[in-house]
C-alpha atoms as a PDB file:
ATOM      1  CA  UNK A   1      89.630 -10.096  78.242  1.00  0.00           C
ATOM      2  CA  UNK A   2      89.001  -8.687  81.724  1.00  0.00           C
ATOM      3  CA  UNK A   3      89.621  -5.234  83.164  1.00  0.00           C
ATOM      4  CA  UNK A   4      91.082  -5.807  86.628  1.00  0.00           C
ATOM      5  CA  UNK A   5      92.101  -2.242  87.408  1.00  0.00           C
ATOM      6  CA  UNK A   6      90.379   0.093  89.824  1.00  0.00           C
ATOM      7  CA  UNK A   7      90.750   3.361  91.675  1.00  0.00           C
ATOM      8  CA  UNK A   8      94.373   2.972  92.785  1.00  0.00           C
ATOM      9  CA  UNK A   9      95.628   2.286  89.259  1.00  0.00           C
ATOM     10  CA  UNK A  10      93.591   5.166  87.827  1.00  0.00           C
ATOM     11  CA  UNK A  11      94.884   7.552  90.489  1.00  0.00           C
ATOM     12  CA  UNK A  12      98.471   6.505  89.775  1.00  0.00           C
ATOM     13  CA  UNK A  13      98.143   7.380  86.067  1.00  0.00           C
ATOM     14  CA  UNK A  14      96.092  10.515  86.808  1.00  0.00           C
ATOM     15  CA  UNK A  15      98.852  11.878  89.056  1.00  0.00           C
ATOM     16  CA  UNK A  16     101.389  11.548  86.260  1.00  0.00           C
ATOM     17  CA  UNK A  17      99.368  13.130  83.438  1.00  0.00           C
ATOM     18  CA  UNK A  18      98.519  16.065  85.732  1.00  0.00           C
ATOM     19  CA  UNK A  19     102.224  17.064  85.559  1.00  0.00           C
ATOM     20  CA  UNK A  20     101.690  17.890  81.865  1.00  0.00           C
ATOM     21  CA  UNK A  21      98.225  19.469  82.236  1.00  0.00           C
ATOM     22  CA  UNK A  22      97.667  21.419  85.457  1.00  0.00           C
ATOM     23  CA  UNK A  23      93.980  21.964  84.558  1.00  0.00           C
ATOM     24  CA  UNK A  24      93.127  18.301  85.236  1.00  0.00           C
ATOM     25  CA  UNK A  25      90.965  18.162  88.381  1.00  0.00           C
ATOM     26  CA  UNK A  26      90.680  15.625  91.179  1.00  0.00           C
ATOM     27  CA  UNK A  27      89.267  12.118  90.805  1.00  0.00           C
ATOM     28  CA  UNK A  28      85.566  11.508  91.519  1.00  0.00           C
ATOM     29  CA  UNK A  29      84.549   8.256  89.835  1.00  0.00           C
ATOM     30  CA  UNK A  30      85.051   6.101  86.755  1.00  0.00           C
ATOM     31  CA  UNK A  31      83.164   3.874  84.315  1.00  0.00           C
ATOM     32  CA  UNK A  32      84.368   1.002  82.098  1.00  0.00           C
ATOM     33  CA  UNK A  33      83.315   0.937  78.435  1.00  0.00           C
ATOM     34  CA  UNK A  34      82.511  -2.158  76.393  1.00  0.00           C
ATOM     35  CA  UNK A  35      86.091  -2.023  75.041  1.00  0.00           C
ATOM     36  CA  UNK A  36      87.436  -2.156  78.625  1.00  0.00           C
ATOM     37  CA  UNK A  37      88.650   1.435  78.398  1.00  0.00           C
ATOM     38  CA  UNK A  38      88.098   3.821  81.315  1.00  0.00           C
ATOM     39  CA  UNK A  39      86.036   7.023  81.422  1.00  0.00           C
ATOM     40  CA  UNK A  40      87.214   8.946  84.496  1.00  0.00           C
ATOM     41  CA  UNK A  41      84.969  11.627  86.000  1.00  0.00           C
ATOM     42  CA  UNK A  42      86.911  14.542  87.534  1.00  0.00           C
ATOM     43  CA  UNK A  43      85.943  17.531  89.646  1.00  0.00           C
ATOM     44  CA  UNK A  44      86.068  19.754  86.557  1.00  0.00           C
ATOM     45  CA  UNK A  45      85.533  17.403  83.587  1.00  0.00           C
ATOM     46  CA  UNK A  46      86.392  13.931  82.263  1.00  0.00           C
ATOM     47  CA  UNK A  47      89.408  12.110  80.807  1.00  0.00           C
ATOM     48  CA  UNK A  48      89.719   8.773  78.948  1.00  0.00           C
ATOM     49  CA  UNK A  49      92.333   6.102  79.748  1.00  0.00           C
ATOM     50  CA  UNK A  50      92.940   3.107  77.514  1.00  0.00           C
ATOM     51  CA  UNK A  51      93.374  -0.267  79.190  1.00  0.00           C
ATOM     52  CA  UNK A  52      96.801  -0.655  77.554  1.00  0.00           C
ATOM     53  CA  UNK A  53      97.916   2.672  79.022  1.00  0.00           C
ATOM     54  CA  UNK A  54      96.968   1.622  82.553  1.00  0.00           C
ATOM     55  CA  UNK A  55      98.827  -1.658  82.010  1.00  0.00           C
ATOM     56  CA  UNK A  56     101.932   0.201  80.762  1.00  0.00           C
ATOM     57  CA  UNK A  57     101.728   2.546  83.748  1.00  0.00           C
ATOM     58  CA  UNK A  58     101.749  -0.407  86.140  1.00  0.00           C
ATOM     59  CA  UNK A  59     104.901  -1.626  84.353  1.00  0.00           C
ATOM     60  CA  UNK A  60     106.339   1.916  84.655  1.00  0.00           C
ATOM     61  CA  UNK A  61     106.921   2.011  80.871  1.00  0.00           C
ATOM     62  CA  UNK A  62     104.962   5.088  79.766  1.00  0.00           C
ATOM     63  CA  UNK A  63     107.081   7.749  78.034  1.00  0.00           C
ATOM     64  CA  UNK A  64     106.620  11.515  78.499  1.00  0.00           C
ATOM     65  CA  UNK A  65     105.274  11.731  74.929  1.00  0.00           C
ATOM     66  CA  UNK A  66     102.551   9.175  75.736  1.00  0.00           C
ATOM     67  CA  UNK A  67     101.636  11.021  78.945  1.00  0.00           C
ATOM     68  CA  UNK A  68     101.335  14.324  77.059  1.00  0.00           C
ATOM     69  CA  UNK A  69      98.973  12.657  74.560  1.00  0.00           C
ATOM     70  CA  UNK A  70      96.845  11.274  77.418  1.00  0.00           C
ATOM     71  CA  UNK A  71      96.775  14.656  79.182  1.00  0.00           C
ATOM     72  CA  UNK A  72      95.480  16.278  75.989  1.00  0.00           C
ATOM     73  CA  UNK A  73      92.339  14.091  76.167  1.00  0.00           C
ATOM     74  CA  UNK A  74      91.089  16.037  79.174  1.00  0.00           C
ATOM     75  CA  UNK A  75      87.658  17.578  78.491  1.00  0.00           C
ATOM     76  CA  UNK A  76      86.590  20.402  80.796  1.00  0.00           C
ATOM     77  CA  UNK A  77      83.131  20.592  82.362  1.00  0.00           C
ATOM     78  CA  UNK A  78      81.983  23.245  79.868  1.00  0.00           C
ATOM     79  CA  UNK A  79      82.793  21.061  76.857  1.00  0.00           C
ATOM     80  CA  UNK A  80      81.318  18.005  78.597  1.00  0.00           C
ATOM     81  CA  UNK A  81      78.035  19.840  79.337  1.00  0.00           C
ATOM     82  CA  UNK A  82      77.707  20.918  75.712  1.00  0.00           C
ATOM     83  CA  UNK A  83      78.289  17.340  74.547  1.00  0.00           C
ATOM     84  CA  UNK A  84      75.677  15.971  76.982  1.00  0.00           C
ATOM     85  CA  UNK A  85      73.138  18.593  75.864  1.00  0.00           C
ATOM     86  CA  UNK A  86      73.666  17.542  72.257  1.00  0.00           C
ATOM     87  CA  UNK A  87      73.222  13.891  73.230  1.00  0.00           C
ATOM     88  CA  UNK A  88      69.957  14.517  75.077  1.00  0.00           C
ATOM     89  CA  UNK A  89      68.759  16.814  72.260  1.00  0.00           C
ATOM     90  CA  UNK A  90      69.452  14.056  69.761  1.00  0.00           C
ATOM     91  CA  UNK A  91      67.639  11.585  72.004  1.00  0.00           C
ATOM     92  CA  UNK A  92      64.613  13.909  72.196  1.00  0.00           C
ATOM     93  CA  UNK A  93      64.487  14.378  68.416  1.00  0.00           C
ATOM     94  CA  UNK A  94      64.771  10.630  67.863  1.00  0.00           C
ATOM     95  CA  UNK A  95      61.932  10.029  70.337  1.00  0.00           C
ATOM     96  CA  UNK A  96      59.673  12.534  68.546  1.00  0.00           C
ATOM     97  CA  UNK A  97      60.438  10.977  65.195  1.00  0.00           C
ATOM     98  CA  UNK A  98      59.431   7.547  66.433  1.00  0.00           C
ATOM     99  CA  UNK A  99      56.069   9.008  67.492  1.00  0.00           C
ATOM    100  CA  UNK A 100      55.402  10.510  64.012  1.00  0.00           C
ATOM    101  CA  UNK A 101      52.871   8.320  62.262  1.00  0.00           C
ATOM    102  CA  UNK A 102      54.757   7.086  59.207  1.00  0.00           C
ATOM    103  CA  UNK A 103      54.786   3.823  57.381  1.00  0.00           C
ATOM    104  CA  UNK A 104      58.066   2.132  58.134  1.00  0.00           C
ATOM    105  CA  UNK A 105      59.217  -1.417  57.901  1.00  0.00           C
ATOM    106  CA  UNK A 106      59.631  -3.528  61.038  1.00  0.00           C
ATOM    107  CA  UNK A 107      63.420  -3.549  60.577  1.00  0.00           C
ATOM    108  CA  UNK A 108      63.710   0.276  60.614  1.00  0.00           C
ATOM    109  CA  UNK A 109      61.572   0.528  63.754  1.00  0.00           C
ATOM    110  CA  UNK A 110      63.708  -2.085  65.488  1.00  0.00           C
ATOM    111  CA  UNK A 111      66.926  -0.207  64.661  1.00  0.00           C
ATOM    112  CA  UNK A 112      65.499   3.080  66.000  1.00  0.00           C
ATOM    113  CA  UNK A 113      64.331   1.444  69.252  1.00  0.00           C
ATOM    114  CA  UNK A 114      67.701  -0.271  69.778  1.00  0.00           C
ATOM    115  CA  UNK A 115      69.549   3.047  69.222  1.00  0.00           C
ATOM    116  CA  UNK A 116      67.402   4.832  71.806  1.00  0.00           C
ATOM    117  CA  UNK A 117      67.856   2.024  74.330  1.00  0.00           C
ATOM    118  CA  UNK A 118      71.656   2.074  73.874  1.00  0.00           C
ATOM    119  CA  UNK A 119      71.821   5.837  74.471  1.00  0.00           C
ATOM    120  CA  UNK A 120      69.704   5.548  77.615  1.00  0.00           C
ATOM    121  CA  UNK A 121      71.813   2.626  78.915  1.00  0.00           C
ATOM    122  CA  UNK A 122      75.116   4.493  78.358  1.00  0.00           C
ATOM    123  CA  UNK A 123      73.932   7.691  80.049  1.00  0.00           C
ATOM    124  CA  UNK A 124      72.313   5.760  82.872  1.00  0.00           C
ATOM    125  CA  UNK A 125      75.394   3.596  83.365  1.00  0.00           C
ATOM    126  CA  UNK A 126      77.657   6.607  83.860  1.00  0.00           C
ATOM    127  CA  UNK A 127      75.209   8.050  86.405  1.00  0.00           C
ATOM    128  CA  UNK A 128      75.062   4.773  88.355  1.00  0.00           C
ATOM    129  CA  UNK A 129      78.864   4.457  88.479  1.00  0.00           C
ATOM    130  CA  UNK A 130      79.088   8.025  89.712  1.00  0.00           C
ATOM    131  CA  UNK A 131      76.711   7.372  92.608  1.00  0.00           C
ATOM    132  CA  UNK A 132      78.427   4.115  93.554  1.00  0.00           C
ATOM    133  CA  UNK A 133      81.914   5.588  93.805  1.00  0.00           C
ATOM    134  CA  UNK A 134      81.253   9.089  95.106  1.00  0.00           C
ATOM    135  CA  UNK A 135      80.567   7.672  98.585  1.00  0.00           C
ATOM    136  CA  UNK A 136      84.008   6.006  98.594  1.00  0.00           C
ATOM    137  CA  UNK A 137      85.996   8.994  97.318  1.00  0.00           C
ATOM    138  CA  UNK A 138      87.569   9.862 100.676  1.00  0.00           C
ATOM    139  CA  UNK A 139      88.757   6.283 101.244  1.00  0.00           C
ATOM    140  CA  UNK A 140      90.235   6.182  97.747  1.00  0.00           C
ATOM    141  CA  UNK A 141      92.395   9.247  98.325  1.00  0.00           C
ATOM    142  CA  UNK A 142      93.490   8.036 101.762  1.00  0.00           C
ATOM    143  CA  UNK A 143      94.627   4.743 100.224  1.00  0.00           C
ATOM    144  CA  UNK A 144      96.443   6.650  97.522  1.00  0.00           C
ATOM    145  CA  UNK A 145      98.296   8.826 100.028  1.00  0.00           C
ATOM    146  CA  UNK A 146      99.485   5.679 101.812  1.00  0.00           C
ATOM    147  CA  UNK A 147     100.367   3.512  98.809  1.00  0.00           C
ATOM    148  CA  UNK A 148     101.135   5.980  96.011  1.00  0.00           C
ATOM    149  CA  UNK A 149     104.207   7.811  97.307  1.00  0.00           C
ATOM    150  CA  UNK A 150     106.830   5.471  95.881  1.00  0.00           C
ATOM    151  CA  UNK A 151     105.223   5.550  92.403  1.00  0.00           C
ATOM    152  CA  UNK A 152     105.173   9.360  92.420  1.00  0.00           C
ATOM    153  CA  UNK A 153     108.813   9.560  93.427  1.00  0.00           C
ATOM    154  CA  UNK A 154     109.785   7.105  90.706  1.00  0.00           C
ATOM    155  CA  UNK A 155     108.093   9.184  88.033  1.00  0.00           C
ATOM    156  CA  UNK A 156     109.638  12.434  89.292  1.00  0.00           C
ATOM    157  CA  UNK A 157     113.018  10.761  89.043  1.00  0.00           C
ATOM    158  CA  UNK A 158     112.243   9.976  85.402  1.00  0.00           C
ATOM    159  CA  UNK A 159     111.397  13.607  84.677  1.00  0.00           C
ATOM    160  CA  UNK A 160     114.611  14.700  86.390  1.00  0.00           C
ATOM    161  CA  UNK A 161     116.628  12.346  84.179  1.00  0.00           C
ATOM    162  CA  UNK A 162     115.045  13.833  81.048  1.00  0.00           C
ATOM    163  CA  UNK A 163     115.765  17.333  82.332  1.00  0.00           C
ATOM    164  CA  UNK A 164     119.399  16.478  83.076  1.00  0.00           C
ATOM    165  CA  UNK A 165     119.829  14.986  79.600  1.00  0.00           C
ATOM    166  CA  UNK A 166     118.345  18.080  77.931  1.00  0.00           C
ATOM    167  CA  UNK A 167     120.473  20.443  80.019  1.00  0.00           C
ATOM    168  CA  UNK A 168     123.627  18.527  79.087  1.00  0.00           C
ATOM    169  CA  UNK A 169     122.926  18.833  75.324  1.00  0.00           C
ATOM    170  CA  UNK A 170     121.482  22.330  74.707  1.00  0.00           C
ATOM    171  CA  UNK A 171     122.562  22.446  71.048  1.00  0.00           C
ATOM    172  CA  UNK A 172     120.463  19.349  70.355  1.00  0.00           C
ATOM    173  CA  UNK A 173     117.250  21.113  71.399  1.00  0.00           C
ATOM    174  CA  UNK A 174     117.991  24.783  70.564  1.00  0.00           C
ATOM    175  CA  UNK A 175     118.040  26.097  67.002  1.00  0.00           C
ATOM    176  CA  UNK A 176     118.478  29.565  65.469  1.00  0.00           C
ATOM    177  CA  UNK A 177     117.082  31.194  62.339  1.00  0.00           C
ATOM    178  CA  UNK A 178     118.118  34.756  61.422  1.00  0.00           C
ATOM    179  CA  UNK A 179     117.357  37.565  59.012  1.00  0.00           C
ATOM    180  CA  UNK A 180     119.628  40.606  58.723  1.00  0.00           C
ATOM    181  CA  UNK A 181     120.171  44.006  57.083  1.00  0.00           C
ATOM    182  CA  UNK A 182     122.786  46.769  57.105  1.00  0.00           C
ATOM    183  CA  UNK A 183     122.175  49.990  59.032  1.00  0.00           C
ATOM    184  CA  UNK A 184     122.119  53.389  57.327  1.00  0.00           C
ATOM    185  CA  UNK A 185     125.894  53.887  57.561  1.00  0.00           C
ATOM    186  CA  UNK A 186     126.771  50.333  56.524  1.00  0.00           C
ATOM    187  CA  UNK A 187     129.143  49.799  59.445  1.00  0.00           C
ATOM    188  CA  UNK A 188     126.705  47.649  61.430  1.00  0.00           C
ATOM    189  CA  UNK A 189     124.429  44.711  60.648  1.00  0.00           C
ATOM    190  CA  UNK A 190     121.036  44.459  62.391  1.00  0.00           C
ATOM    191  CA  UNK A 191     120.264  40.796  63.070  1.00  0.00           C
ATOM    192  CA  UNK A 192     116.768  39.526  63.898  1.00  0.00           C
ATOM    193  CA  UNK A 193     117.350  36.070  65.406  1.00  0.00           C
ATOM    194  CA  UNK A 194     114.595  33.544  66.227  1.00  0.00           C
ATOM    195  CA  UNK A 195     115.523  30.912  68.855  1.00  0.00           C
ATOM    196  CA  UNK A 196     113.408  27.738  69.118  1.00  0.00           C
ATOM    197  CA  UNK A 197     113.547  25.441  72.182  1.00  0.00           C
ATOM    198  CA  UNK A 198     112.295  21.927  71.331  1.00  0.00           C
ATOM    199  CA  UNK A 199     113.093  20.470  74.781  1.00  0.00           C
ATOM    200  CA  UNK A 200     110.260  18.774  76.692  1.00  0.00           C
ATOM    201  CA  UNK A 201     111.281  19.890  80.197  1.00  0.00           C
ATOM    202  CA  UNK A 202     114.429  22.048  80.178  1.00  0.00           C
ATOM    203  CA  UNK A 203     114.402  25.856  80.267  1.00  0.00           C
ATOM    204  CA  UNK A 204     117.557  27.567  78.953  1.00  0.00           C
ATOM    205  CA  UNK A 205     119.060  31.045  79.367  1.00  0.00           C
ATOM    206  CA  UNK A 206     122.014  33.039  77.984  1.00  0.00           C
ATOM    207  CA  UNK A 207     122.013  31.311  74.609  1.00  0.00           C
ATOM    208  CA  UNK A 208     125.335  31.642  72.744  1.00  0.00           C
ATOM    209  CA  UNK A 209     125.105  31.961  68.946  1.00  0.00           C
ATOM    210  CA  UNK A 210     127.991  31.965  66.452  1.00  0.00           C
ATOM    211  CA  UNK A 211     127.669  34.493  63.608  1.00  0.00           C
ATOM    212  CA  UNK A 212     129.715  33.534  60.541  1.00  0.00           C
ATOM    213  CA  UNK A 213     130.432  36.078  57.768  1.00  0.00           C
ATOM    214  CA  UNK A 214     130.716  34.803  54.168  1.00  0.00           C
ATOM    215  CA  UNK A 215     131.940  36.429  50.975  1.00  0.00           C
ATOM    216  CA  UNK A 216     130.111  36.215  47.663  1.00  0.00           C
ATOM    217  CA  UNK A 217     132.270  33.180  46.811  1.00  0.00           C
ATOM    218  CA  UNK A 218     131.093  31.403  50.000  1.00  0.00           C
ATOM    219  CA  UNK A 219     134.499  31.939  51.568  1.00  0.00           C
ATOM    220  CA  UNK A 220     134.368  32.404  55.331  1.00  0.00           C
ATOM    221  CA  UNK A 221     135.597  35.876  56.252  1.00  0.00           C
ATOM    222  CA  UNK A 222     135.165  35.896  60.005  1.00  0.00           C
ATOM    223  CA  UNK A 223     133.070  34.469  62.844  1.00  0.00           C
ATOM    224  CA  UNK A 224     132.014  36.000  66.162  1.00  0.00           C
ATOM    225  CA  UNK A 225     130.070  34.786  69.183  1.00  0.00           C
ATOM    226  CA  UNK A 226     127.112  36.670  70.624  1.00  0.00           C
ATOM    227  CA  UNK A 227     125.261  35.945  73.908  1.00  0.00           C
ATOM    228  CA  UNK A 228     121.471  36.425  74.008  1.00  0.00           C
ATOM    229  CA  UNK A 229     120.547  37.183  77.624  1.00  0.00           C
ATOM    230  CA  UNK A 230     116.980  35.866  77.567  1.00  0.00           C
ATOM    231  CA  UNK A 231     115.071  32.912  79.077  1.00  0.00           C
ATOM    232  CA  UNK A 232     113.746  30.240  76.702  1.00  0.00           C
ATOM    233  CA  UNK A 233     111.051  27.917  78.189  1.00  0.00           C
ATOM    234  CA  UNK A 234     110.482  24.396  76.767  1.00  0.00           C
ATOM    235  CA  UNK A 235     108.474  24.105  73.543  1.00  0.00           C
ATOM    236  CA  UNK A 236     108.752  27.845  72.841  1.00  0.00           C
ATOM    237  CA  UNK A 237     110.015  30.298  70.206  1.00  0.00           C
ATOM    238  CA  UNK A 238     111.382  33.791  70.863  1.00  0.00           C
ATOM    239  CA  UNK A 239     112.751  36.446  68.473  1.00  0.00           C
ATOM    240  CA  UNK A 240     115.421  38.983  69.536  1.00  0.00           C
ATOM    241  CA  UNK A 241     117.194  41.768  67.677  1.00  0.00           C
ATOM    242  CA  UNK A 242     120.815  42.909  68.058  1.00  0.00           C
ATOM    243  CA  UNK A 243     123.588  44.710  66.176  1.00  0.00           C
ATOM    244  CA  UNK A 244     126.973  43.336  65.116  1.00  0.00           C
ATOM    245  CA  UNK A 245     129.958  44.835  63.254  1.00  0.00           C
ATOM    246  CA  UNK A 246     130.056  44.758  59.486  1.00  0.00           C
ATOM    247  CA  UNK A 247     133.178  43.958  57.456  1.00  0.00           C
ATOM    248  CA  UNK A 248     134.347  44.469  53.896  1.00  0.00           C
ATOM    249  CA  UNK A 249     133.216  42.006  51.225  1.00  0.00           C
ATOM    250  CA  UNK A 250     130.513  40.477  53.460  1.00  0.00           C
ATOM    251  CA  UNK A 251     127.764  38.973  51.289  1.00  0.00           C
ATOM    252  CA  UNK A 252     125.850  36.692  53.704  1.00  0.00           C
ATOM    253  CA  UNK A 253     125.655  35.542  57.323  1.00  0.00           C
ATOM    254  CA  UNK A 254     125.007  32.251  59.078  1.00  0.00           C
ATOM    255  CA  UNK A 255     123.711  31.894  62.655  1.00  0.00           C
ATOM    256  CA  UNK A 256     123.909  28.755  64.825  1.00  0.00           C
ATOM    257  CA  UNK A 257     123.491  27.915  68.531  1.00  0.00           C
ATOM    258  CA  UNK A 258     126.713  26.693  70.142  1.00  0.00           C
ATOM    259  CA  UNK A 259     125.745  26.740  73.822  1.00  0.00           C
ATOM    260  CA  UNK A 260     123.338  27.776  76.605  1.00  0.00           C
ATOM    261  CA  UNK A 261     123.023  27.701  80.381  1.00  0.00           C
ATOM    262  CA  UNK A 262     120.299  25.882  82.392  1.00  0.00           C
ATOM    263  CA  UNK A 263     117.613  28.046  83.923  1.00  0.00           C
ATOM    264  CA  UNK A 264     116.335  26.180  86.962  1.00  0.00           C
ATOM    265  CA  UNK A 265     113.222  27.513  88.692  1.00  0.00           C
ATOM    266  CA  UNK A 266     112.654  26.994  92.422  1.00  0.00           C
ATOM    267  CA  UNK A 267     110.996  23.636  92.894  1.00  0.00           C
END
């Protein structure tokens, strides 16, 4: 099995995952592991790409859910520094232990030496790759600006299609859960309604909920529509409170989302 992908393929995938994680920095260099996966060094941390993910990206078959999972692998410089300090600390402790005069078998000594050598090789390999590719960074980004435009446009079109689908079916992604109580006079009902937006991209506004009144026998007494004039971003939950009229023989209420309007930010 050979890894035949380089800077251009990495930059193509990096551009897409950055849409879902704005904290991901710019490309600096990369290293290939023994499993042919990619460790990508960024201006503010590192991120890991699997070989299969780069292959799927070249076939333009990665889904938004897969890209979100990849974006979540980003490790900032602070976390990376802590990890490296632990690695070098472990290396130092192991080195001191090997110098302690103890009676050990030849097999145990061999295992300890091999472990130390592997750690040194991995750390040294990342450093060497960094030096080799830092000098070519400017050329890499120039090539990307020339050759990467069509790929970026294709992916943005995909996101737009998802957004259009979510906007056309708001009731599929919006849900309502409500608690309620009568006011002091009993002529009004105070409703505390929690709206959840499970959409990946779409932001909604002016959510319309239908309040249905039921008697103690589960007979429907009346239903009314109420508009909640709030903005609901994707993957969010918001609770609002409002008052509605009360009626005779009302025992329980039901609340459901029946519509919403798209809230499109300036692009």
